Amino acid sequence: MLAKISSARYPQLVNIPSDFRLPSWKIPVIEVDLAEIDIPQIAEKVSEYGKEALYITVGTGVLAFQQLQVRRREAMATLQKENPELETHITEIVDHAKSIATSLCNKLSERSPLRNA
């Protein structure tokens, strides 16, 4: 019903000539003899190409990860060279964050209704 309503209104919204016809295309039919297709050979090639694609993907991921590690080490070396006390500051910040998280967890566990159950 909805399609009829919308198609009924469509010619009024857009100026479509009354003699308009969609073009017709003839699609040639291709005959394929399936007896000539070697399915096991095709499956073997697909499997081989899939493995190669997987190896390339994993190799690229490993190289990207190693490159990231190198960049991280270079950045840390540069930062430590510019600010030798950086590691101490980072350690202090991490310890402070851990103490805050621990005290927060303790306060929440004291208020937990499951504690009394």
N, C-alpha and C. Protein backbone atom coordinates (compact mmCIF):
# COMPACT_ATOMS: atom_id res chain seq x y z
N MET A 1 0.83 -1.19 0.00
CA MET A 1 0.00 0.00 0.00
C MET A 1 0.87 1.24 0.00
N LEU A 2 1.92 1.23 0.77
CA LEU A 2 2.79 2.39 0.86
C LEU A 2 3.47 2.67 -0.47
N ALA A 3 3.88 1.63 -1.18
CA ALA A 3 4.54 1.81 -2.47
C ALA A 3 3.57 2.41 -3.49
N LYS A 4 2.31 2.01 -3.46
CA LYS A 4 1.34 2.55 -4.40
C LYS A 4 1.09 4.03 -4.14
N ILE A 5 1.03 4.40 -2.89
CA ILE A 5 0.80 5.81 -2.54
C ILE A 5 1.97 6.66 -2.99
N SER A 6 3.20 6.19 -2.68
CA SER A 6 4.36 7.00 -3.04
C SER A 6 4.55 7.05 -4.55
N SER A 7 4.29 5.95 -5.26
CA SER A 7 4.44 5.98 -6.72
C SER A 7 3.33 6.80 -7.36
N ALA A 8 2.18 6.85 -6.71
CA ALA A 8 1.09 7.65 -7.26
C ALA A 8 1.41 9.13 -7.15
N ARG A 9 2.13 9.55 -6.13
CA ARG A 9 2.46 10.95 -5.94
C ARG A 9 3.73 11.36 -6.68
N TYR A 10 4.56 10.40 -7.02
CA TYR A 10 5.87 10.71 -7.59
C TYR A 10 5.78 11.49 -8.90
N PRO A 11 4.94 11.10 -9.86
CA PRO A 11 4.88 11.87 -11.11
C PRO A 11 4.45 13.32 -10.89
N GLN A 12 3.70 13.59 -9.85
CA GLN A 12 3.29 14.96 -9.59
C GLN A 12 4.44 15.79 -9.05
N LEU A 13 5.35 15.16 -8.31
CA LEU A 13 6.47 15.88 -7.74
C LEU A 13 7.59 16.12 -8.75
N VAL A 14 7.75 15.20 -9.70
CA VAL A 14 8.80 15.30 -10.71
C VAL A 14 8.13 15.26 -12.07
N ASN A 15 8.56 16.10 -12.96
CA ASN A 15 7.95 16.15 -14.29
C ASN A 15 8.46 14.99 -15.14
N ILE A 16 7.70 13.92 -15.20
CA ILE A 16 8.05 12.75 -16.00
C ILE A 16 7.11 12.74 -17.19
N PRO A 17 7.69 12.69 -18.39
CA PRO A 17 6.81 12.66 -19.57
C PRO A 17 5.94 11.41 -19.56
N SER A 18 4.74 11.53 -20.07
CA SER A 18 3.81 10.40 -20.05
C SER A 18 4.26 9.26 -20.96
N ASP A 19 5.08 9.56 -21.97
CA ASP A 19 5.54 8.51 -22.87
C ASP A 19 6.91 7.95 -22.46
N PHE A 20 7.33 8.24 -21.26
CA PHE A 20 8.64 7.76 -20.77
C PHE A 20 8.64 6.25 -20.59
N ARG A 21 9.65 5.60 -21.11
CA ARG A 21 9.81 4.17 -20.97
C ARG A 21 11.26 3.89 -20.54
N LEU A 22 11.43 2.95 -19.63
CA LEU A 22 12.78 2.54 -19.25
C LEU A 22 13.44 1.79 -20.39
N PRO A 23 14.74 1.98 -20.60
CA PRO A 23 15.41 1.25 -21.69
C PRO A 23 15.46 -0.24 -21.37
N SER A 24 15.47 -1.03 -22.41
CA SER A 24 15.57 -2.48 -22.21
C SER A 24 16.94 -2.93 -22.68
N TRP A 25 17.54 -3.79 -21.90
CA TRP A 25 18.85 -4.32 -22.23
C TRP A 25 18.75 -5.82 -22.40
N LYS A 26 19.48 -6.31 -23.35
CA LYS A 26 19.55 -7.74 -23.53
C LYS A 26 20.90 -8.20 -23.01
N ILE A 27 20.87 -9.12 -22.07
CA ILE A 27 22.09 -9.63 -21.48
C ILE A 27 22.43 -10.95 -22.16
N PRO A 28 23.64 -11.04 -22.74
CA PRO A 28 24.00 -12.29 -23.41
C PRO A 28 24.18 -13.42 -22.39
N VAL A 29 23.76 -14.59 -22.76
CA VAL A 29 23.88 -15.76 -21.91
C VAL A 29 25.21 -16.44 -22.23
N ILE A 30 25.99 -16.69 -21.21
CA ILE A 30 27.28 -17.33 -21.39
C ILE A 30 27.14 -18.78 -20.95
N GLU A 31 27.54 -19.66 -21.81
CA GLU A 31 27.48 -21.08 -21.48
C GLU A 31 28.81 -21.52 -20.89
N VAL A 32 28.75 -22.16 -19.73
CA VAL A 32 29.95 -22.62 -19.06
C VAL A 32 29.82 -24.12 -18.85
N ASP A 33 30.85 -24.85 -19.26
CA ASP A 33 30.88 -26.29 -19.05
C ASP A 33 31.58 -26.55 -17.72
N LEU A 34 30.82 -26.92 -16.70
CA LEU A 34 31.38 -27.12 -15.36
C LEU A 34 32.28 -28.34 -15.28
N ALA A 35 32.21 -29.22 -16.26
CA ALA A 35 33.07 -30.41 -16.25
C ALA A 35 34.54 -30.02 -16.47
N GLU A 36 34.77 -28.87 -17.09
CA GLU A 36 36.13 -28.44 -17.37
C GLU A 36 36.79 -27.74 -16.18
N ILE A 37 36.02 -27.41 -15.17
CA ILE A 37 36.55 -26.70 -14.02
C ILE A 37 37.13 -27.70 -13.03
N ASP A 38 38.38 -27.46 -12.65
CA ASP A 38 39.08 -28.35 -11.71
C ASP A 38 38.93 -27.77 -10.30
N ILE A 39 37.89 -28.19 -9.59
CA ILE A 39 37.58 -27.65 -8.26
C ILE A 39 38.72 -27.88 -7.27
N PRO A 40 39.32 -29.07 -7.17
CA PRO A 40 40.41 -29.25 -6.21
C PRO A 40 41.60 -28.32 -6.47
N GLN A 41 41.91 -28.08 -7.73
CA GLN A 41 43.02 -27.19 -8.04
C GLN A 41 42.68 -25.75 -7.64
N ILE A 42 41.46 -25.34 -7.90
CA ILE A 42 41.02 -23.99 -7.51
C ILE A 42 41.04 -23.85 -6.00
N ALA A 43 40.56 -24.86 -5.29
CA ALA A 43 40.56 -24.82 -3.82
C ALA A 43 41.98 -24.74 -3.28
N GLU A 44 42.89 -25.47 -3.92
CA GLU A 44 44.29 -25.45 -3.48
C GLU A 44 44.90 -24.07 -3.70
N LYS A 45 44.62 -23.45 -4.84
CA LYS A 45 45.15 -22.11 -5.13
C LYS A 45 44.56 -21.07 -4.17
N VAL A 46 43.26 -21.16 -3.90
CA VAL A 46 42.62 -20.22 -2.97
C VAL A 46 43.23 -20.37 -1.59
N SER A 47 43.46 -21.61 -1.17
CA SER A 47 44.08 -21.86 0.13
C SER A 47 45.50 -21.30 0.17
N GLU A 48 46.25 -21.51 -0.90
CA GLU A 48 47.63 -21.02 -0.98
C GLU A 48 47.66 -19.48 -0.92
N TYR A 49 46.80 -18.83 -1.70
CA TYR A 49 46.76 -17.37 -1.70
C TYR A 49 46.28 -16.83 -0.35
N GLY A 50 45.36 -17.54 0.29
CA GLY A 50 44.89 -17.13 1.61
C GLY A 50 46.00 -17.19 2.64
N LYS A 51 46.79 -18.26 2.59
CA LYS A 51 47.93 -18.39 3.52
C LYS A 51 48.94 -17.28 3.29
N GLU A 52 49.24 -17.00 2.01
CA GLU A 52 50.20 -15.94 1.71
C GLU A 52 49.69 -14.59 2.20
N ALA A 53 48.41 -14.33 2.02
CA ALA A 53 47.83 -13.07 2.50
C ALA A 53 47.91 -12.98 4.02
N LEU A 54 47.67 -14.11 4.69
CA LEU A 54 47.75 -14.13 6.15
C LEU A 54 49.19 -13.88 6.61
N TYR A 55 50.15 -14.53 5.95
CA TYR A 55 51.56 -14.32 6.31
C TYR A 55 51.97 -12.86 6.11
N ILE A 56 51.53 -12.27 5.02
CA ILE A 56 51.86 -10.86 4.76
C ILE A 56 51.23 -9.96 5.82
N THR A 57 49.99 -10.25 6.18
CA THR A 57 49.30 -9.44 7.19
C THR A 57 49.99 -9.54 8.55
N VAL A 58 50.33 -10.76 8.96
CA VAL A 58 51.00 -10.95 10.25
C VAL A 58 52.38 -10.31 10.22
N GLY A 59 53.10 -10.49 9.14
CA GLY A 59 54.44 -9.90 9.02
C GLY A 59 54.40 -8.38 9.08
N THR A 60 53.43 -7.80 8.41
CA THR A 60 53.29 -6.35 8.44
C THR A 60 52.94 -5.88 9.85
N GLY A 61 52.09 -6.61 10.54
CA GLY A 61 51.75 -6.26 11.92
C GLY A 61 52.95 -6.34 12.84
N VAL A 62 53.76 -7.38 12.68
CA VAL A 62 54.97 -7.52 13.51
C VAL A 62 55.94 -6.38 13.24
N LEU A 63 56.15 -6.06 11.97
CA LEU A 63 57.05 -4.95 11.63
C LEU A 63 56.53 -3.62 12.18
N ALA A 64 55.23 -3.40 12.10
CA ALA A 64 54.66 -2.17 12.64
C ALA A 64 54.83 -2.10 14.15
N PHE A 65 54.63 -3.22 14.84
CA PHE A 65 54.81 -3.25 16.29
C PHE A 65 56.26 -2.97 16.66
N GLN A 66 57.20 -3.59 15.94
CA GLN A 66 58.61 -3.35 16.21
C GLN A 66 58.98 -1.89 15.96
N GLN A 67 58.45 -1.31 14.90
CA GLN A 67 58.73 0.09 14.60
C GLN A 67 58.17 0.98 15.72
N LEU A 68 57.00 0.63 16.22
CA LEU A 68 56.41 1.39 17.33
C LEU A 68 57.28 1.30 18.57
N GLN A 69 57.80 0.11 18.86
CA GLN A 69 58.68 -0.06 20.02
C GLN A 69 59.94 0.78 19.86
N VAL A 70 60.52 0.80 18.67
CA VAL A 70 61.72 1.60 18.43
C VAL A 70 61.42 3.08 18.65
N ARG A 71 60.31 3.54 18.11
CA ARG A 71 59.93 4.96 18.29
C ARG A 71 59.69 5.28 19.77
N ARG A 72 59.07 4.35 20.49
CA ARG A 72 58.83 4.57 21.92
C ARG A 72 60.14 4.68 22.68
N ARG A 73 61.08 3.77 22.38
CA ARG A 73 62.38 3.83 23.06
C ARG A 73 63.13 5.11 22.72
N GLU A 74 63.06 5.54 21.46
CA GLU A 74 63.71 6.79 21.08
C GLU A 74 63.09 7.96 21.81
N ALA A 75 61.77 7.97 21.92
CA ALA A 75 61.09 9.07 22.62
C ALA A 75 61.46 9.08 24.10
N MET A 76 61.50 7.89 24.72
CA MET A 76 61.88 7.82 26.14
C MET A 76 63.32 8.27 26.34
N ALA A 77 64.22 7.88 25.44
CA ALA A 77 65.62 8.30 25.56
C ALA A 77 65.75 9.82 25.43
N THR A 78 65.01 10.39 24.49
CA THR A 78 65.04 11.84 24.31
C THR A 78 64.49 12.55 25.54
N LEU A 79 63.36 12.06 26.06
CA LEU A 79 62.77 12.68 27.24
C LEU A 79 63.68 12.56 28.46
N GLN A 80 64.31 11.40 28.64
CA GLN A 80 65.21 11.21 29.78
C GLN A 80 66.46 12.06 29.64
N LYS A 81 66.88 12.28 28.41
CA LYS A 81 68.06 13.12 28.18
C LYS A 81 67.75 14.57 28.51
N GLU A 82 66.54 15.03 28.12
CA GLU A 82 66.14 16.40 28.39
C GLU A 82 65.79 16.62 29.85
N ASN A 83 65.22 15.60 30.48
CA ASN A 83 64.81 15.72 31.88
C ASN A 83 65.20 14.43 32.60
N PRO A 84 66.39 14.42 33.22
CA PRO A 84 66.86 13.18 33.86
C PRO A 84 65.98 12.71 35.02
N GLU A 85 65.21 13.59 35.62
CA GLU A 85 64.37 13.23 36.76
C GLU A 85 62.98 12.75 36.31
N LEU A 86 62.79 12.60 35.01
CA LEU A 86 61.48 12.23 34.49
C LEU A 86 61.00 10.89 35.04
N GLU A 87 61.88 9.89 35.09
CA GLU A 87 61.48 8.57 35.57
C GLU A 87 61.03 8.64 37.02
N THR A 88 61.72 9.43 37.83
CA THR A 88 61.33 9.60 39.23
C THR A 88 59.94 10.23 39.33
N HIS A 89 59.71 11.27 38.53
CA HIS A 89 58.40 11.93 38.54
C HIS A 89 57.30 10.98 38.11
N ILE A 90 57.54 10.22 37.07
CA ILE A 90 56.53 9.28 36.58
C ILE A 90 56.24 8.22 37.64
N THR A 91 57.29 7.72 38.31
CA THR A 91 57.11 6.72 39.36
C THR A 91 56.28 7.29 40.50
N GLU A 92 56.55 8.54 40.89
CA GLU A 92 55.79 9.18 41.95
C GLU A 92 54.31 9.33 41.57
N ILE A 93 54.07 9.72 40.32
CA ILE A 93 52.69 9.91 39.86
C ILE A 93 51.95 8.57 39.86
N VAL A 94 52.62 7.52 39.38
CA VAL A 94 51.99 6.20 39.34
C VAL A 94 51.70 5.70 40.75
N ASP A 95 52.65 5.87 41.66
CA ASP A 95 52.43 5.45 43.05
C ASP A 95 51.27 6.21 43.68
N HIS A 96 51.20 7.51 43.41
CA HIS A 96 50.11 8.32 43.96
C HIS A 96 48.76 7.86 43.39
N ALA A 97 48.71 7.57 42.08
CA ALA A 97 47.47 7.10 41.47
C ALA A 97 47.06 5.75 42.05
N LYS A 98 48.04 4.87 42.29
CA LYS A 98 47.74 3.57 42.89
C LYS A 98 47.17 3.73 44.30
N SER A 99 47.75 4.66 45.09
CA SER A 99 47.25 4.86 46.46
C SER A 99 45.83 5.42 46.45
N ILE A 100 45.54 6.32 45.53
CA ILE A 100 44.19 6.87 45.42
C ILE A 100 43.21 5.77 45.03
N ALA A 101 43.59 4.95 44.06
CA ALA A 101 42.71 3.87 43.62
C ALA A 101 42.48 2.87 44.74
N THR A 102 43.52 2.56 45.50
CA THR A 102 43.39 1.61 46.61
C THR A 102 42.45 2.15 47.68
N SER A 103 42.63 3.42 48.06
CA SER A 103 41.76 4.00 49.09
C SER A 103 40.31 4.09 48.60
N LEU A 104 40.13 4.40 47.32
CA LEU A 104 38.78 4.45 46.76
C LEU A 104 38.13 3.07 46.78
N CYS A 105 38.89 2.04 46.41
CA CYS A 105 38.35 0.68 46.43
C CYS A 105 38.00 0.25 47.86
N ASN A 106 38.83 0.63 48.80
CA ASN A 106 38.55 0.29 50.21
C ASN A 106 37.27 0.97 50.69
N LYS A 107 37.10 2.25 50.36
CA LYS A 107 35.89 2.98 50.78
C LYS A 107 34.65 2.38 50.13
N LEU A 108 34.78 2.01 48.85
CA LEU A 108 33.62 1.42 48.17
C LEU A 108 33.28 0.05 48.73
N SER A 109 34.29 -0.74 49.07
CA SER A 109 34.01 -2.07 49.61
C SER A 109 33.40 -1.97 51.01
N GLU A 110 33.72 -0.92 51.77
CA GLU A 110 33.11 -0.73 53.09
C GLU A 110 31.63 -0.41 52.96
N ARG A 111 31.26 0.31 51.91
CA ARG A 111 29.87 0.70 51.71
C ARG A 111 29.07 -0.33 50.91
N SER A 112 29.69 -1.34 50.43
CA SER A 112 29.03 -2.31 49.57
C SER A 112 27.97 -3.09 50.34
N PRO A 113 26.77 -3.22 49.78
CA PRO A 113 25.74 -4.01 50.44
C PRO A 113 26.07 -5.50 50.42
N LEU A 114 26.96 -5.91 49.55
CA LEU A 114 27.34 -7.32 49.48
C LEU A 114 28.27 -7.71 50.64
N ARG A 115 28.90 -6.73 51.24
CA ARG A 115 29.82 -7.02 52.33
C ARG A 115 29.10 -7.61 53.55
N ASN A 116 27.91 -7.13 53.82
CA ASN A 116 27.14 -7.59 54.97
C ASN A 116 26.36 -8.86 54.68
N ALA A 117 26.28 -9.23 53.41
CA ALA A 117 25.46 -10.40 53.04
C ALA A 117 26.13 -11.71 53.39
